[in-house]
Amino acid sequence: SWLSVPVGSYLIPEQPSHDYFFDFVFTDTYNFSIEFNSPSEISNAVAFSRNIVSDSFALFSEIEPAGDSYVLRLKVVVKERRVPAAEGGRLMEFVKAIDDLSAFSLRLRPKS
């Protein structure tokens, strides 16, 4: 995994039936500039986009063109240590999105 976010299905394998507590509140932000040796485009950039917001956590990700290159942005925020049991489904959506982004592979094609 290229992410060092301390959240994922390795820690939360299934929806808790009780309040879940993160170890600590944190913000983890990634900003990468992606440049290519020849004119190329990322064909699956939209699939990287996520926007999940709750009172306890948030996740935002996108890949945007920037001239002949791209900018990849990812921000993970745990705002509150406690996630109420009632937010368990949203917590699992958050966990799955982080797992998916951790395993994400760019698909490139020559720019036409």
Protein backbone atom coordinates (compact mmCIF):
# COMPACT_ATOMS: atom_id res chain seq x y z
CA SER A 1 0.00 0.00 0.00
CA TRP A 2 1.21 3.47 -0.80
CA LEU A 3 -0.88 4.96 2.03
CA SER A 4 0.25 5.08 5.63
CA VAL A 5 -3.23 5.81 7.00
CA PRO A 6 -3.86 3.86 10.23
CA VAL A 7 -7.35 2.82 9.06
CA GLY A 8 -8.43 -0.12 6.94
CA SER A 9 -10.08 -3.51 6.97
CA TYR A 10 -6.96 -4.94 8.63
CA LEU A 11 -8.07 -2.99 11.76
CA ILE A 12 -11.84 -2.93 11.25
CA PRO A 13 -12.75 -6.13 9.36
CA GLU A 14 -16.50 -5.89 9.95
CA GLN A 15 -19.10 -3.42 11.13
CA PRO A 16 -18.88 -3.06 14.91
CA SER A 17 -22.07 -3.66 16.89
CA HIS A 18 -20.89 -1.12 19.47
CA ASP A 19 -19.27 2.30 19.47
CA TYR A 20 -15.89 2.18 17.73
CA PHE A 21 -12.90 4.13 19.07
CA PHE A 22 -9.98 5.23 16.91
CA ASP A 23 -6.64 5.28 18.72
CA PHE A 24 -6.21 9.01 18.08
CA VAL A 25 -7.53 12.00 16.15
CA PHE A 26 -5.46 12.74 13.03
CA THR A 27 -5.26 14.33 9.60
CA ASP A 28 -3.28 12.68 6.83
CA THR A 29 -2.84 14.62 3.59
CA TYR A 30 -1.20 13.54 0.33
CA ASN A 31 -0.51 15.76 -2.68
CA PHE A 32 1.41 14.25 -5.58
CA SER A 33 2.33 15.76 -8.91
CA ILE A 34 2.36 13.06 -11.60
CA GLU A 35 4.37 13.73 -14.75
CA PHE A 36 4.95 11.48 -17.76
CA ASN A 37 7.84 11.11 -20.23
CA SER A 38 5.43 11.26 -23.17
CA PRO A 39 1.97 12.83 -23.52
CA SER A 40 -0.33 10.55 -21.52
CA GLU A 41 -3.64 10.67 -19.74
CA ILE A 42 -5.04 8.82 -16.76
CA SER A 43 -8.13 7.04 -18.04
CA ASN A 44 -9.51 6.05 -14.63
CA ALA A 45 -8.98 9.34 -12.74
CA VAL A 46 -12.69 9.66 -11.93
CA ALA A 47 -12.65 6.27 -10.18
CA PHE A 48 -10.20 7.72 -7.63
CA SER A 49 -12.65 10.40 -6.48
CA ARG A 50 -14.21 10.03 -3.04
CA ASN A 51 -16.04 12.42 -0.74
CA ILE A 52 -17.20 10.91 2.55
CA VAL A 53 -18.04 13.19 5.46
CA SER A 54 -19.45 12.43 8.89
CA ASP A 55 -19.21 14.00 12.33
CA SER A 56 -16.40 11.54 13.22
CA PHE A 57 -14.31 11.30 10.02
CA ALA A 58 -13.86 12.56 6.47
CA LEU A 59 -12.21 11.37 3.26
CA PHE A 60 -11.60 13.39 0.11
CA SER A 61 -9.69 12.25 -2.95
CA GLU A 62 -9.31 13.37 -6.55
CA ILE A 63 -6.98 13.36 -9.54
CA GLU A 64 -7.02 16.55 -11.58
CA PRO A 65 -5.25 17.43 -14.83
CA ALA A 66 -2.70 20.23 -14.47
CA GLY A 67 -1.43 21.08 -17.94
CA ASP A 68 0.65 18.12 -19.15
CA SER A 69 0.69 16.54 -15.70
CA TYR A 70 -1.80 15.56 -12.99
CA VAL A 71 -2.24 16.35 -9.32
CA LEU A 72 -3.39 13.56 -7.01
CA ARG A 73 -4.93 14.74 -3.73
CA LEU A 74 -6.04 12.67 -0.79
CA LYS A 75 -7.08 13.81 2.68
CA VAL A 76 -8.14 11.53 5.53
CA VAL A 77 -9.38 13.09 8.77
CA VAL A 78 -10.44 11.42 11.99
CA LYS A 79 -12.20 14.25 13.84
CA GLU A 80 -13.46 12.34 16.86
CA ARG A 81 -12.06 9.22 18.49
CA ARG A 82 -15.55 7.81 19.08
CA VAL A 83 -17.73 6.61 16.22
CA PRO A 84 -21.24 5.82 17.50
CA ALA A 85 -22.61 2.34 16.70
CA ALA A 86 -25.35 4.04 14.67
CA GLU A 87 -22.64 5.25 12.23
CA GLY A 88 -21.25 1.73 11.73
CA GLY A 89 -22.39 1.53 8.10
CA ARG A 90 -20.77 4.87 7.32
CA LEU A 91 -17.61 3.72 9.12
CA MET A 92 -17.43 0.63 6.90
CA GLU A 93 -17.93 2.80 3.80
CA PHE A 94 -14.97 4.90 5.00
CA VAL A 95 -12.84 1.76 5.62
CA LYS A 96 -13.70 0.27 2.21
CA ALA A 97 -12.89 3.53 0.44
CA ILE A 98 -9.46 3.66 2.13
CA ASP A 99 -8.81 0.01 1.18
CA ASP A 100 -9.83 0.73 -2.43
CA LEU A 101 -7.64 3.83 -2.65
CA SER A 102 -4.70 1.96 -1.10
CA ALA A 103 -4.92 -0.65 -3.86
CA PHE A 104 -5.74 1.83 -6.66
CA SER A 105 -3.71 1.53 -9.86
CA LEU A 106 -3.55 4.24 -12.48
CA ARG A 107 -4.51 3.29 -16.03
CA LEU A 108 -2.57 5.26 -18.60
CA ARG A 109 -3.12 5.76 -22.29
CA PRO A 110 -1.35 7.92 -24.86
CA LYS A 111 -2.86 11.37 -25.10
CA SER A 112 -4.65 11.92 -28.38
